[in-house]
Amino acid sequence: MEILKTVKFLGIVLLCFFLILYVLIVSYVYFNQIGLVFHGSKLPKDFKFDYKQKFEEVNIPSFDGTVLNGLLFKAENSKGLVFYLHGNAGTLETWGKIAKIYTSLGYDIFILDYRSFGKSEGEIENEEQLSKDISIAYKKVAEKYSQNKIIIAGYSIGSGFATKLALENNPKALILQAPYYNFLELSSSRVPFFPDFMKKFSLETNLYLPKIKSPIYIFHGTKDQLIPIDNSIRLKKLLKSNAYFYPLKNQEHIGVNENEDFQEQLKKIL
């Protein structure tokens, strides 16, 4: 009898221990999830971007007064605009290097640094806040272009926001690079113990994409380990004749813009 009581007591102690451990881990992930998703780095306010091609630095006040920073690179005899949402790391100091790929094809390209990235002020709090930022930046930059001459593009984490933005507007086309099927699902594969209702980002690309009427172009590396290509394969299956999927052979997650096959297809799109 004493042995049974001891075993039962130890069982309760272990259960309490694992319960406390679970609560501690979940609490840590909850309060640190922004930093786990976004790896922003700051640039000094007086930082000078050094690019040889023509560009304009644009500062855009958001809904709460936070000033967002972006770069608008100009093409000769511009045919339109590519509104580009970059990945979860890096700033305009490095992302600006992709601009010549687009301007050489006759399109201006605007690249936005999310709040807390580069020279953009503020701190990221949740999906709604960031979506508002992006929408405001889009409306500001799009003032000088016809809607049918604007292409929205998104890379990795930016692909979900680009899809939402395309759904809210009517761009000439939507380009997705290394997109995820559904961010809730993707994050669950990383932290399966973390409840969906506690996540600050859902970005359900699979729900937005079928509602978009613009042509959709999806590019994904066959060797992408961070966001496996199966995400894009599943997205393509949801879409009809207005969608095109291009697997990039031997391409990893980083460097899609520099991929020669991507650039060849981009020429046809632009």
C-alpha atoms as a PDB file:
ATOM      1  CA  MET A   1       0.000   0.000   0.000  1.00  0.00           C
ATOM      2  CA  GLU A   2       2.817   2.388   0.920  1.00  0.00           C
ATOM      3  CA  ILE A   3       4.565   1.599  -2.365  1.00  0.00           C
ATOM      4  CA  LEU A   4       1.381   2.420  -4.332  1.00  0.00           C
ATOM      5  CA  LYS A   5       1.055   5.731  -2.476  1.00  0.00           C
ATOM      6  CA  THR A   6       4.677   6.560  -3.210  1.00  0.00           C
ATOM      7  CA  VAL A   7       4.274   5.721  -6.905  1.00  0.00           C
ATOM      8  CA  LYS A   8       1.102   7.810  -7.099  1.00  0.00           C
ATOM      9  CA  PHE A   9       2.825  10.737  -5.371  1.00  0.00           C
ATOM     10  CA  LEU A  10       5.811  10.546  -7.712  1.00  0.00           C
ATOM     11  CA  GLY A  11       3.425  10.423 -10.663  1.00  0.00           C
ATOM     12  CA  ILE A  12       1.713  13.603  -9.495  1.00  0.00           C
ATOM     13  CA  VAL A  13       5.081  15.296  -8.931  1.00  0.00           C
ATOM     14  CA  LEU A  14       6.247  14.375 -12.446  1.00  0.00           C
ATOM     15  CA  LEU A  15       2.966  15.546 -13.966  1.00  0.00           C
ATOM     16  CA  CYS A  16       3.264  18.890 -12.177  1.00  0.00           C
ATOM     17  CA  PHE A  17       6.898  19.190 -13.233  1.00  0.00           C
ATOM     18  CA  PHE A  18       6.109  18.634 -16.937  1.00  0.00           C
ATOM     19  CA  LEU A  19       3.078  20.909 -16.724  1.00  0.00           C
ATOM     20  CA  ILE A  20       5.165  23.713 -15.241  1.00  0.00           C
ATOM     21  CA  LEU A  21       7.884  23.071 -17.831  1.00  0.00           C
ATOM     22  CA  TYR A  22       5.310  23.228 -20.641  1.00  0.00           C
ATOM     23  CA  VAL A  23       3.859  26.506 -19.327  1.00  0.00           C
ATOM     24  CA  LEU A  24       7.367  28.002 -19.073  1.00  0.00           C
ATOM     25  CA  ILE A  25       8.280  26.957 -22.633  1.00  0.00           C
ATOM     26  CA  VAL A  26       4.978  28.177 -24.099  1.00  0.00           C
ATOM     27  CA  SER A  27       5.340  31.471 -22.206  1.00  0.00           C
ATOM     28  CA  TYR A  28       8.856  31.934 -23.545  1.00  0.00           C
ATOM     29  CA  VAL A  29       7.758  31.287 -27.143  1.00  0.00           C
ATOM     30  CA  TYR A  30       4.729  33.580 -26.772  1.00  0.00           C
ATOM     31  CA  PHE A  31       6.709  36.556 -25.497  1.00  0.00           C
ATOM     32  CA  ASN A  32       9.607  35.986 -27.912  1.00  0.00           C
ATOM     33  CA  GLN A  33       7.751  34.890 -31.059  1.00  0.00           C
ATOM     34  CA  ILE A  34       8.365  38.174 -32.914  1.00  0.00           C
ATOM     35  CA  GLY A  35      12.104  37.698 -32.519  1.00  0.00           C
ATOM     36  CA  LEU A  36      11.816  34.065 -33.585  1.00  0.00           C
ATOM     37  CA  VAL A  37      10.009  35.033 -36.806  1.00  0.00           C
ATOM     38  CA  PHE A  38      11.701  38.328 -37.697  1.00  0.00           C
ATOM     39  CA  HIS A  39      15.443  38.933 -37.529  1.00  0.00           C
ATOM     40  CA  GLY A  40      15.541  42.672 -38.049  1.00  0.00           C
ATOM     41  CA  SER A  41      18.609  44.850 -37.631  1.00  0.00           C
ATOM     42  CA  LYS A  42      18.808  48.612 -37.337  1.00  0.00           C
ATOM     43  CA  LEU A  43      20.613  51.157 -39.496  1.00  0.00           C
ATOM     44  CA  PRO A  44      21.577  54.650 -38.241  1.00  0.00           C
ATOM     45  CA  LYS A  45      19.183  57.420 -39.292  1.00  0.00           C
ATOM     46  CA  ASP A  46      22.046  59.142 -41.132  1.00  0.00           C
ATOM     47  CA  PHE A  47      23.049  55.952 -42.983  1.00  0.00           C
ATOM     48  CA  LYS A  48      23.752  56.612 -46.676  1.00  0.00           C
ATOM     49  CA  PHE A  49      22.726  53.884 -49.117  1.00  0.00           C
ATOM     50  CA  ASP A  50      25.403  53.324 -51.738  1.00  0.00           C
ATOM     51  CA  TYR A  51      23.902  52.123 -55.016  1.00  0.00           C
ATOM     52  CA  LYS A  52      25.133  53.160 -58.460  1.00  0.00           C
ATOM     53  CA  GLN A  53      21.725  53.113 -60.125  1.00  0.00           C
ATOM     54  CA  LYS A  54      19.079  55.799 -59.711  1.00  0.00           C
ATOM     55  CA  PHE A  55      17.064  55.539 -56.510  1.00  0.00           C
ATOM     56  CA  GLU A  56      14.968  57.630 -54.182  1.00  0.00           C
ATOM     57  CA  GLU A  57      14.739  57.141 -50.427  1.00  0.00           C
ATOM     58  CA  VAL A  58      11.110  57.261 -49.319  1.00  0.00           C
ATOM     59  CA  ASN A  59       9.895  57.829 -45.755  1.00  0.00           C
ATOM     60  CA  ILE A  60       6.229  56.976 -45.148  1.00  0.00           C
ATOM     61  CA  PRO A  61       4.311  57.743 -41.911  1.00  0.00           C
ATOM     62  CA  SER A  62       2.177  54.751 -40.916  1.00  0.00           C
ATOM     63  CA  PHE A  63      -1.193  54.690 -39.109  1.00  0.00           C
ATOM     64  CA  ASP A  64       0.383  55.244 -35.679  1.00  0.00           C
ATOM     65  CA  GLY A  65       2.966  57.842 -36.720  1.00  0.00           C
ATOM     66  CA  THR A  66       5.780  55.318 -37.099  1.00  0.00           C
ATOM     67  CA  VAL A  67       7.949  56.281 -40.085  1.00  0.00           C
ATOM     68  CA  LEU A  68       8.670  53.454 -42.526  1.00  0.00           C
ATOM     69  CA  ASN A  69      11.687  53.576 -44.801  1.00  0.00           C
ATOM     70  CA  GLY A  70      11.921  52.248 -48.332  1.00  0.00           C
ATOM     71  CA  LEU A  71      13.925  52.643 -51.523  1.00  0.00           C
ATOM     72  CA  LEU A  72      12.445  53.296 -54.948  1.00  0.00           C
ATOM     73  CA  PHE A  73      14.839  52.299 -57.724  1.00  0.00           C
ATOM     74  CA  LYS A  74      14.167  53.892 -61.111  1.00  0.00           C
ATOM     75  CA  ALA A  75      14.372  52.263 -64.531  1.00  0.00           C
ATOM     76  CA  GLU A  76      14.996  54.087 -67.796  1.00  0.00           C
ATOM     77  CA  ASN A  77      11.670  54.543 -69.604  1.00  0.00           C
ATOM     78  CA  SER A  78       9.768  52.774 -66.819  1.00  0.00           C
ATOM     79  CA  LYS A  79       6.982  50.369 -67.789  1.00  0.00           C
ATOM     80  CA  GLY A  80       5.600  50.162 -64.265  1.00  0.00           C
ATOM     81  CA  LEU A  81       6.392  49.252 -60.654  1.00  0.00           C
ATOM     82  CA  VAL A  82       7.339  46.135 -58.729  1.00  0.00           C
ATOM     83  CA  PHE A  83       6.278  46.534 -55.080  1.00  0.00           C
ATOM     84  CA  TYR A  84       8.610  44.117 -53.275  1.00  0.00           C
ATOM     85  CA  LEU A  85       8.284  42.640 -49.766  1.00  0.00           C
ATOM     86  CA  HIS A  86      11.507  41.005 -48.641  1.00  0.00           C
ATOM     87  CA  GLY A  87      12.244  38.118 -46.287  1.00  0.00           C
ATOM     88  CA  ASN A  88      12.507  38.026 -42.504  1.00  0.00           C
ATOM     89  CA  ALA A  89      16.171  39.067 -42.307  1.00  0.00           C
ATOM     90  CA  GLY A  90      18.413  41.706 -43.838  1.00  0.00           C
ATOM     91  CA  THR A  91      17.739  45.364 -44.584  1.00  0.00           C
ATOM     92  CA  LEU A  92      17.730  47.657 -47.588  1.00  0.00           C
ATOM     93  CA  GLU A  93      21.511  47.815 -47.256  1.00  0.00           C
ATOM     94  CA  THR A  94      21.590  44.318 -48.781  1.00  0.00           C
ATOM     95  CA  TRP A  95      18.130  43.825 -50.318  1.00  0.00           C
ATOM     96  CA  GLY A  96      18.700  46.833 -52.568  1.00  0.00           C
ATOM     97  CA  LYS A  97      21.201  44.748 -54.541  1.00  0.00           C
ATOM     98  CA  ILE A  98      18.372  42.877 -56.255  1.00  0.00           C
ATOM     99  CA  ALA A  99      16.969  46.085 -57.767  1.00  0.00           C
ATOM    100  CA  LYS A 100      19.082  46.010 -60.937  1.00  0.00           C
ATOM    101  CA  ILE A 101      17.528  42.639 -61.877  1.00  0.00           C
ATOM    102  CA  TYR A 102      14.163  44.381 -62.177  1.00  0.00           C
ATOM    103  CA  THR A 103      15.191  47.837 -63.416  1.00  0.00           C
ATOM    104  CA  SER A 104      17.207  46.248 -66.224  1.00  0.00           C
ATOM    105  CA  LEU A 105      13.893  44.813 -67.466  1.00  0.00           C
ATOM    106  CA  GLY A 106      12.258  48.232 -67.499  1.00  0.00           C
ATOM    107  CA  TYR A 107      10.450  48.264 -64.139  1.00  0.00           C
ATOM    108  CA  ASP A 108      10.897  50.539 -61.164  1.00  0.00           C
ATOM    109  CA  ILE A 109      11.106  48.578 -57.921  1.00  0.00           C
ATOM    110  CA  PHE A 110      10.154  49.722 -54.419  1.00  0.00           C
ATOM    111  CA  ILE A 111      11.533  47.701 -51.500  1.00  0.00           C
ATOM    112  CA  LEU A 112      10.171  48.329 -48.005  1.00  0.00           C
ATOM    113  CA  ASP A 113      11.993  47.762 -44.738  1.00  0.00           C
ATOM    114  CA  TYR A 114       9.469  46.516 -42.164  1.00  0.00           C
ATOM    115  CA  ARG A 115       9.209  48.462 -38.921  1.00  0.00           C
ATOM    116  CA  SER A 116      12.299  47.813 -36.733  1.00  0.00           C
ATOM    117  CA  PHE A 117      14.287  46.911 -39.887  1.00  0.00           C
ATOM    118  CA  GLY A 118      16.978  49.253 -41.223  1.00  0.00           C
ATOM    119  CA  LYS A 119      15.917  52.896 -40.868  1.00  0.00           C
ATOM    120  CA  SER A 120      12.224  52.091 -40.302  1.00  0.00           C
ATOM    121  CA  GLU A 121      11.063  53.069 -36.833  1.00  0.00           C
ATOM    122  CA  GLY A 122       9.006  51.140 -34.279  1.00  0.00           C
ATOM    123  CA  GLU A 123       8.745  47.507 -33.279  1.00  0.00           C
ATOM    124  CA  ILE A 124       6.716  44.683 -34.828  1.00  0.00           C
ATOM    125  CA  GLU A 125       3.836  43.557 -32.602  1.00  0.00           C
ATOM    126  CA  ASN A 126       1.470  41.447 -34.701  1.00  0.00           C
ATOM    127  CA  GLU A 127       0.177  40.629 -38.192  1.00  0.00           C
ATOM    128  CA  GLU A 128      -2.547  43.274 -38.267  1.00  0.00           C
ATOM    129  CA  GLN A 129      -0.076  46.051 -37.482  1.00  0.00           C
ATOM    130  CA  LEU A 130       2.374  44.935 -40.166  1.00  0.00           C
ATOM    131  CA  SER A 131      -0.391  44.485 -42.743  1.00  0.00           C
ATOM    132  CA  LYS A 132      -1.530  48.066 -42.103  1.00  0.00           C
ATOM    133  CA  ASP A 133       2.036  49.311 -42.572  1.00  0.00           C
ATOM    134  CA  ILE A 134       2.360  47.516 -45.895  1.00  0.00           C
ATOM    135  CA  SER A 135      -1.030  48.685 -47.143  1.00  0.00           C
ATOM    136  CA  ILE A 136      -0.231  52.320 -46.322  1.00  0.00           C
ATOM    137  CA  ALA A 137       3.194  52.093 -47.995  1.00  0.00           C
ATOM    138  CA  TYR A 138       1.617  50.512 -51.074  1.00  0.00           C
ATOM    139  CA  LYS A 139      -1.023  53.228 -51.428  1.00  0.00           C
ATOM    140  CA  LYS A 140       1.611  55.942 -51.069  1.00  0.00           C
ATOM    141  CA  VAL A 141       4.013  54.518 -53.651  1.00  0.00           C
ATOM    142  CA  ALA A 142       1.233  53.426 -56.021  1.00  0.00           C
ATOM    143  CA  GLU A 143      -0.047  57.004 -56.373  1.00  0.00           C
ATOM    144  CA  LYS A 144       2.300  57.600 -59.307  1.00  0.00           C
ATOM    145  CA  TYR A 145       1.440  54.391 -61.177  1.00  0.00           C
ATOM    146  CA  SER A 146      -1.603  52.907 -62.853  1.00  0.00           C
ATOM    147  CA  GLN A 147      -2.920  49.837 -61.033  1.00  0.00           C
ATOM    148  CA  ASN A 148      -2.547  47.749 -64.191  1.00  0.00           C
ATOM    149  CA  LYS A 149       1.164  48.562 -64.248  1.00  0.00           C
ATOM    150  CA  ILE A 150       1.960  47.430 -60.694  1.00  0.00           C
ATOM    151  CA  ILE A 151       3.314  43.987 -59.845  1.00  0.00           C
ATOM    152  CA  ILE A 152       3.341  42.851 -56.202  1.00  0.00           C
ATOM    153  CA  ALA A 153       6.140  40.484 -55.188  1.00  0.00           C
ATOM    154  CA  GLY A 154       6.955  38.728 -51.928  1.00  0.00           C
ATOM    155  CA  TYR A 155       9.848  36.564 -50.756  1.00  0.00           C
ATOM    156  CA  SER A 156       9.517  33.977 -47.956  1.00  0.00           C
ATOM    157  CA  ILE A 157       7.764  35.721 -45.005  1.00  0.00           C
ATOM    158  CA  GLY A 158       6.926  38.541 -47.407  1.00  0.00           C
ATOM    159  CA  SER A 159       4.969  36.160 -49.659  1.00  0.00           C
ATOM    160  CA  GLY A 160       2.026  35.956 -47.258  1.00  0.00           C
ATOM    161  CA  PHE A 161       1.807  39.722 -46.889  1.00  0.00           C
ATOM    162  CA  ALA A 162       2.177  40.139 -50.662  1.00  0.00           C
ATOM    163  CA  THR A 163      -0.741  37.746 -51.198  1.00  0.00           C
ATOM    164  CA  LYS A 164      -2.951  39.663 -48.743  1.00  0.00           C
ATOM    165  CA  LEU A 165      -2.004  42.923 -50.447  1.00  0.00           C
ATOM    166  CA  ALA A 166      -2.819  41.538 -53.901  1.00  0.00           C
ATOM    167  CA  LEU A 167      -6.203  40.369 -52.621  1.00  0.00           C
ATOM    168  CA  GLU A 168      -6.984  43.875 -51.331  1.00  0.00           C
ATOM    169  CA  ASN A 169      -5.948  45.477 -54.623  1.00  0.00           C
ATOM    170  CA  ASN A 170      -5.938  44.521 -58.286  1.00  0.00           C
ATOM    171  CA  PRO A 171      -2.311  44.433 -59.469  1.00  0.00           C
ATOM    172  CA  LYS A 172      -1.090  43.435 -62.902  1.00  0.00           C
ATOM    173  CA  ALA A 173       0.431  40.277 -61.387  1.00  0.00           C
ATOM    174  CA  LEU A 174       1.594  38.628 -58.163  1.00  0.00           C
ATOM    175  CA  ILE A 175       5.046  37.039 -57.889  1.00  0.00           C
ATOM    176  CA  LEU A 176       5.758  34.702 -54.954  1.00  0.00           C
ATOM    177  CA  GLN A 177       9.259  33.464 -54.154  1.00  0.00           C
ATOM    178  CA  ALA A 178       9.619  30.524 -51.746  1.00  0.00           C
ATOM    179  CA  PRO A 179       6.113  30.963 -50.285  1.00  0.00           C
ATOM    180  CA  TYR A 180       4.548  28.932 -47.478  1.00  0.00           C
ATOM    181  CA  TYR A 181       1.179  27.206 -47.835  1.00  0.00           C
ATOM    182  CA  ASN A 182      -0.030  28.501 -44.506  1.00  0.00           C
ATOM    183  CA  PHE A 183       2.112  30.179 -41.841  1.00  0.00           C
ATOM    184  CA  LEU A 184       0.120  28.654 -38.978  1.00  0.00           C
ATOM    185  CA  GLU A 185       0.904  25.235 -40.388  1.00  0.00           C
ATOM    186  CA  LEU A 186       4.551  26.064 -41.061  1.00  0.00           C
ATOM    187  CA  SER A 187       5.111  27.404 -37.555  1.00  0.00           C
ATOM    188  CA  SER A 188       3.453  24.297 -36.095  1.00  0.00           C
ATOM    189  CA  SER A 189       6.097  22.185 -37.794  1.00  0.00           C
ATOM    190  CA  ARG A 190       8.733  24.190 -35.877  1.00  0.00           C
ATOM    191  CA  VAL A 191       6.972  24.433 -32.501  1.00  0.00           C
ATOM    192  CA  PRO A 192       4.247  21.729 -32.507  1.00  0.00           C
ATOM    193  CA  PHE A 193       3.502  22.265 -28.823  1.00  0.00           C
ATOM    194  CA  PHE A 194       2.611  25.948 -29.263  1.00  0.00           C
ATOM    195  CA  PRO A 195      -1.182  26.567 -29.589  1.00  0.00           C
ATOM    196  CA  ASP A 196      -2.376  28.324 -32.758  1.00  0.00           C
ATOM    197  CA  PHE A 197      -4.592  30.744 -30.822  1.00  0.00           C
ATOM    198  CA  MET A 198      -1.490  32.210 -29.153  1.00  0.00           C
ATOM    199  CA  LYS A 199       0.300  32.932 -32.437  1.00  0.00           C
ATOM    200  CA  LYS A 200       0.529  36.538 -33.564  1.00  0.00           C
ATOM    201  CA  PHE A 201       0.828  35.596 -37.240  1.00  0.00           C
ATOM    202  CA  SER A 202      -1.449  33.299 -39.228  1.00  0.00           C
ATOM    203  CA  LEU A 203      -0.901  34.414 -42.860  1.00  0.00           C
ATOM    204  CA  GLU A 204      -3.151  31.795 -44.419  1.00  0.00           C
ATOM    205  CA  THR A 205      -1.854  32.099 -47.981  1.00  0.00           C
ATOM    206  CA  ASN A 206      -3.875  29.064 -49.070  1.00  0.00           C
ATOM    207  CA  LEU A 207      -7.102  30.923 -48.262  1.00  0.00           C
ATOM    208  CA  TYR A 208      -6.142  34.229 -49.934  1.00  0.00           C
ATOM    209  CA  LEU A 209      -4.569  32.967 -53.152  1.00  0.00           C
ATOM    210  CA  PRO A 210      -7.624  31.352 -54.838  1.00  0.00           C
ATOM    211  CA  LYS A 211      -9.541  34.651 -54.503  1.00  0.00           C
ATOM    212  CA  ILE A 212      -6.990  36.666 -56.499  1.00  0.00           C
ATOM    213  CA  LYS A 213      -7.900  37.400 -60.110  1.00  0.00           C
ATOM    214  CA  SER A 214      -4.470  38.653 -61.205  1.00  0.00           C
ATOM    215  CA  PRO A 215      -1.964  36.237 -62.807  1.00  0.00           C
ATOM    216  CA  ILE A 216       0.101  34.473 -60.132  1.00  0.00           C
ATOM    217  CA  TYR A 217       3.700  33.337 -60.625  1.00  0.00           C
ATOM    218  CA  ILE A 218       5.215  30.996 -58.015  1.00  0.00           C
ATOM    219  CA  PHE A 219       8.944  30.228 -57.813  1.00  0.00           C
ATOM    220  CA  HIS A 220      10.463  27.737 -55.394  1.00  0.00           C
ATOM    221  CA  GLY A 221      13.851  26.052 -55.024  1.00  0.00           C
ATOM    222  CA  THR A 222      13.883  22.251 -55.137  1.00  0.00           C
ATOM    223  CA  LYS A 223      16.499  22.222 -52.353  1.00  0.00           C
ATOM    224  CA  ASP A 224      14.777  24.693 -50.053  1.00  0.00           C
ATOM    225  CA  GLN A 225      15.193  23.310 -46.533  1.00  0.00           C
ATOM    226  CA  LEU A 226      13.588  26.226 -44.680  1.00  0.00           C
ATOM    227  CA  ILE A 227      10.281  26.257 -46.565  1.00  0.00           C
ATOM    228  CA  PRO A 228      10.100  22.981 -48.542  1.00  0.00           C
ATOM    229  CA  ILE A 229       8.908  23.138 -52.156  1.00  0.00           C
ATOM    230  CA  ASP A 230       5.880  21.030 -51.228  1.00  0.00           C
ATOM    231  CA  ASN A 231       4.331  24.288 -49.948  1.00  0.00           C
ATOM    232  CA  SER A 232       4.281  25.729 -53.482  1.00  0.00           C
ATOM    233  CA  ILE A 233       3.148  22.463 -55.048  1.00  0.00           C
ATOM    234  CA  ARG A 234       0.121  22.449 -52.739  1.00  0.00           C
ATOM    235  CA  LEU A 235      -0.615  26.114 -53.478  1.00  0.00           C
ATOM    236  CA  LYS A 236      -0.553  25.484 -57.224  1.00  0.00           C
ATOM    237  CA  LYS A 237      -3.114  22.692 -56.825  1.00  0.00           C
ATOM    238  CA  LEU A 238      -5.552  25.235 -55.372  1.00  0.00           C
ATOM    239  CA  LEU A 239      -5.310  27.522 -58.386  1.00  0.00           C
ATOM    240  CA  LYS A 240      -6.756  27.594 -61.869  1.00  0.00           C
ATOM    241  CA  SER A 241      -5.473  28.781 -65.221  1.00  0.00           C
ATOM    242  CA  ASN A 242      -4.184  32.133 -63.950  1.00  0.00           C
ATOM    243  CA  ALA A 243      -1.356  30.523 -61.949  1.00  0.00           C
ATOM    244  CA  TYR A 244       2.113  29.398 -63.025  1.00  0.00           C
ATOM    245  CA  PHE A 245       4.556  27.360 -60.960  1.00  0.00           C
ATOM    246  CA  TYR A 246       8.296  27.225 -61.665  1.00  0.00           C
ATOM    247  CA  PRO A 247      10.434  24.831 -59.602  1.00  0.00           C
ATOM    248  CA  LEU A 248      14.037  26.072 -59.573  1.00  0.00           C
ATOM    249  CA  LYS A 249      16.396  23.116 -59.839  1.00  0.00           C
ATOM    250  CA  ASN A 250      19.048  22.851 -57.077  1.00  0.00           C
ATOM    251  CA  GLN A 251      18.006  26.233 -55.652  1.00  0.00           C
ATOM    252  CA  GLU A 252      18.055  26.664 -51.864  1.00  0.00           C
ATOM    253  CA  HIS A 253      15.955  29.143 -49.862  1.00  0.00           C
ATOM    254  CA  ILE A 254      18.322  32.091 -50.255  1.00  0.00           C
ATOM    255  CA  GLY A 255      19.247  33.542 -53.633  1.00  0.00           C
ATOM    256  CA  VAL A 256      16.109  33.063 -55.736  1.00  0.00           C
ATOM    257  CA  ASN A 257      16.493  36.493 -57.351  1.00  0.00           C
ATOM    258  CA  GLU A 258      19.984  35.604 -58.531  1.00  0.00           C
ATOM    259  CA  ASN A 259      18.870  32.266 -60.009  1.00  0.00           C
ATOM    260  CA  GLU A 260      19.347  32.261 -63.804  1.00  0.00           C
ATOM    261  CA  ASP A 261      16.176  30.262 -64.474  1.00  0.00           C
ATOM    262  CA  PHE A 262      14.180  32.718 -62.349  1.00  0.00           C
ATOM    263  CA  GLN A 263      15.645  35.668 -64.227  1.00  0.00           C
ATOM    264  CA  GLU A 264      14.813  34.050 -67.558  1.00  0.00           C
ATOM    265  CA  GLN A 265      11.180  33.618 -66.556  1.00  0.00           C
ATOM    266  CA  LEU A 266      11.107  37.111 -65.060  1.00  0.00           C
ATOM    267  CA  LYS A 267      12.003  38.543 -68.474  1.00  0.00           C
ATOM    268  CA  LYS A 268       8.890  36.915 -69.922  1.00  0.00           C
ATOM    269  CA  ILE A 269       6.683  38.165 -67.083  1.00  0.00           C
ATOM    270  CA  LEU A 270       7.947  41.759 -67.196  1.00  0.00           C
END
